[in-house]
Protein backbone atom coordinates (compact mmCIF):
# COMPACT_ATOMS: atom_id res chain seq x y z
CA MET A 1 0.00 0.00 0.00
CA ARG A 2 1.25 3.45 -0.91
CA ALA A 3 -0.61 6.67 -0.22
CA SER A 4 -0.10 10.18 -1.50
CA TRP A 5 -1.81 13.55 -1.48
CA MET A 6 -2.89 14.76 -4.89
CA ASN A 7 -2.18 18.47 -4.79
CA SER A 8 -3.15 19.99 -8.11
CA PRO A 9 -3.21 18.69 -11.67
CA ASN A 10 0.06 20.45 -12.50
CA SER A 11 2.10 19.46 -9.45
CA ASN A 12 3.54 16.21 -8.15
CA ALA A 13 1.91 14.16 -5.42
CA SER A 14 3.33 14.26 -1.93
CA ALA A 15 3.57 11.27 0.38
CA CYS A 16 0.76 10.65 2.85
CA SER A 17 1.68 8.94 6.13
CA LEU A 18 -0.29 6.25 7.94
CA ASP A 19 -1.01 8.80 10.67
CA GLU A 20 -2.50 11.16 8.10
CA LEU A 21 -4.65 8.35 6.70
CA ARG A 22 -5.88 7.51 10.21
CA ALA A 23 -6.62 11.19 10.86
CA GLU A 24 -8.85 11.07 7.76
CA GLY A 25 -10.62 7.98 9.15
CA ILE A 26 -9.06 5.64 6.59
CA GLU A 27 -7.86 2.34 8.03
CA CYS A 28 -5.32 0.12 6.32
CA ALA A 29 -3.32 -2.97 7.15
CA ALA A 30 -1.48 -5.83 5.51
CA PHE A 31 -2.70 -9.43 5.66
CA ASP A 32 -1.75 -12.80 4.23
CA SER A 33 -3.87 -13.02 1.06
CA GLY A 34 -3.72 -16.82 1.32
CA ASN A 35 -5.57 -16.55 4.62
CA VAL A 36 -8.35 -14.18 3.48
CA ALA A 37 -11.20 -16.30 4.89
CA ASP A 38 -9.88 -16.10 8.46
CA VAL A 39 -9.07 -12.40 8.19
CA SER A 40 -12.48 -11.60 6.71
CA SER A 41 -14.23 -13.62 9.45
CA ARG A 42 -12.28 -11.81 12.17
CA ILE A 43 -13.07 -8.39 10.70
CA GLY A 44 -16.70 -9.38 10.32
CA ARG A 45 -16.94 -10.35 13.99
CA GLU A 46 -15.13 -7.22 15.17
CA ARG A 47 -17.24 -4.85 13.08
CA GLY A 48 -20.58 -6.70 13.10
CA LEU A 49 -20.46 -7.57 9.39
CA GLY A 50 -22.37 -10.78 8.72
CA SER A 51 -22.14 -11.01 4.94
CA GLN A 52 -19.45 -10.71 2.31
CA ASP A 53 -18.94 -10.56 -1.43
CA ASP A 54 -16.00 -12.02 -3.34
CA ILE A 55 -15.65 -9.82 -6.43
CA ALA A 56 -13.33 -10.16 -9.41
CA LEU A 57 -13.00 -7.38 -11.97
CA ARG A 58 -11.04 -7.79 -15.19
CA GLN A 59 -10.45 -5.04 -17.70
CA ASP A 60 -10.45 -7.60 -20.53
CA ASN A 61 -13.86 -9.04 -19.52
CA PRO A 62 -16.80 -7.21 -21.19
CA GLN A 63 -19.12 -8.42 -18.42
CA CYS A 64 -17.11 -6.32 -15.92
CA GLU A 65 -17.22 -3.11 -17.96
CA ALA A 66 -20.24 -1.51 -16.26
CA LYS A 67 -19.07 -2.40 -12.73
CA ILE A 68 -15.58 -1.01 -13.43
CA ALA A 69 -17.14 2.21 -14.74
CA ARG A 70 -19.38 2.57 -11.66
CA GLU A 71 -16.41 2.01 -9.32
CA GLY A 72 -14.55 4.81 -11.12
CA ASP A 73 -17.30 7.40 -10.53
CA GLU A 74 -17.07 9.41 -7.33
CA HIS A 75 -19.46 8.00 -4.74
CA ALA A 76 -20.00 7.40 -1.02
CA HIS A 77 -21.84 4.77 1.02
CA MET A 78 -23.86 4.97 4.21
CA ASP A 79 -21.66 2.22 5.73
CA ASP A 80 -17.89 1.81 5.82
CA GLU A 81 -16.41 0.16 2.73
CA VAL A 82 -14.17 -2.71 3.83
CA ARG A 83 -12.03 -4.40 1.17
CA LEU A 84 -9.42 -7.11 1.38
CA ILE A 85 -7.45 -7.19 -1.86
CA VAL A 86 -6.76 -10.83 -2.76
CA GLU A 87 -5.34 -10.55 -6.29
CA GLY A 88 -4.27 -7.80 -8.68
CA SER A 89 -4.10 -4.12 -7.87
CA GLY A 90 -6.09 -0.93 -7.81
CA CYS A 91 -6.09 2.71 -6.90
CA TYR A 92 -8.47 4.24 -4.37
CA GLU A 93 -8.93 7.97 -4.61
CA VAL A 94 -10.60 9.31 -1.48
CA ARG A 95 -11.78 12.85 -0.78
CA ALA A 96 -10.11 14.24 2.31
CA ARG A 97 -12.08 16.36 4.74
CA ASP A 98 -10.70 19.48 3.05
CA GLU A 99 -11.79 18.15 -0.40
CA ARG A 100 -8.27 17.31 -1.62
CA TRP A 101 -7.79 13.88 -3.14
CA LEU A 102 -5.86 11.17 -1.35
CA ARG A 103 -4.57 8.41 -3.60
CA VAL A 104 -4.10 4.97 -2.04
CA GLU A 105 -2.59 2.28 -4.24
CA VAL A 106 -3.51 -1.24 -3.12
CA ALA A 107 -2.42 -4.72 -4.15
CA ALA A 108 -2.85 -8.30 -2.97
CA GLY A 109 -2.51 -8.48 0.81
CA ASP A 110 -3.82 -4.96 1.50
CA LEU A 111 -6.86 -4.22 3.66
CA LEU A 112 -8.45 -0.80 3.23
CA ILE A 113 -11.46 0.66 5.03
CA VAL A 114 -13.01 3.86 3.67
CA PRO A 115 -15.26 5.50 6.26
CA SER A 116 -18.98 5.88 5.66
CA ARG A 117 -20.17 9.00 3.86
CA ARG A 118 -16.66 9.63 2.47
CA TYR A 119 -16.57 10.21 -1.26
CA HIS A 120 -14.15 8.00 -3.16
CA ARG A 121 -13.61 6.13 -6.39
CA PHE A 122 -11.77 2.94 -7.26
CA LEU A 123 -9.78 2.38 -10.44
CA LEU A 124 -8.07 -0.78 -11.64
CA GLY A 125 -4.29 -0.78 -11.35
CA ALA A 126 -1.71 -1.55 -14.01
CA SER A 127 -2.44 -5.28 -13.69
CA GLY A 128 -5.85 -4.71 -15.30
CA HIS A 129 -7.59 -6.92 -12.76
CA VAL A 130 -8.45 -7.11 -9.10
CA ARG A 131 -10.16 -9.59 -6.82
CA PHE A 132 -11.33 -8.51 -3.40
CA VAL A 133 -13.43 -9.73 -0.53
CA GLN A 134 -15.84 -7.15 0.82
CA PRO A 135 -17.48 -7.85 4.20
CA PHE A 136 -20.63 -5.85 4.94
CA ALA A 137 -23.53 -5.64 7.39
CA GLU A 138 -26.46 -5.05 5.03
CA ARG A 139 -26.48 -4.51 1.28
CA PRO A 140 -28.39 -1.17 1.41
CA GLY A 141 -25.47 0.33 3.36
CA LEU A 142 -23.24 -0.20 0.31
CA ILE A 143 -25.55 1.39 -2.26
CA PRO A 144 -23.37 4.00 -3.99
CA LEU A 145 -24.42 7.63 -3.67
CA TYR A 146 -22.85 9.40 -6.66
CA ARG A 147 -21.79 12.99 -7.18
CA ALA A 148 -20.16 14.76 -10.11
CA SER A 149 -16.39 15.11 -10.04
CA ASP A 150 -13.60 16.16 -12.35
CA ASP A 151 -11.18 13.84 -14.07
CA GLU A 152 -8.05 15.97 -13.63
CA THR A 153 -6.54 13.83 -10.86
CA ARG A 154 -7.35 10.31 -12.08
CA CYS A 155 -4.62 7.63 -12.09
């Protein structure tokens, strides 16, 4: 996992520390991707999340096209978004409290939790695919609430 602040379209990103991520309410950790079932169960118990999805997105799969596009549009959820990256890579872009973008690059073995009501978007990484496990309490809490955003800072 690597995080950076996206300053402006014409300037370079600056590193974002784990303390800064925590201050923004974003939780992250590393886990053994071969042990995802145990990690997901533990997180589910700790956070009261009784269900989970196992989702695979591939850029070269036409059936994934709409889902990939929806993930890339700025949105928020009423519940926290918990993702355990099992395969591949991706890029989370999360709105900070001051409306700047935070970019968090994730790959297999990364756990990321985006707090509820925090606008974000998820883009596939250079690998062109990602598989993640997403524990949740109730499906309505993960319904995306979209808002318009610019494309100037996209990966």
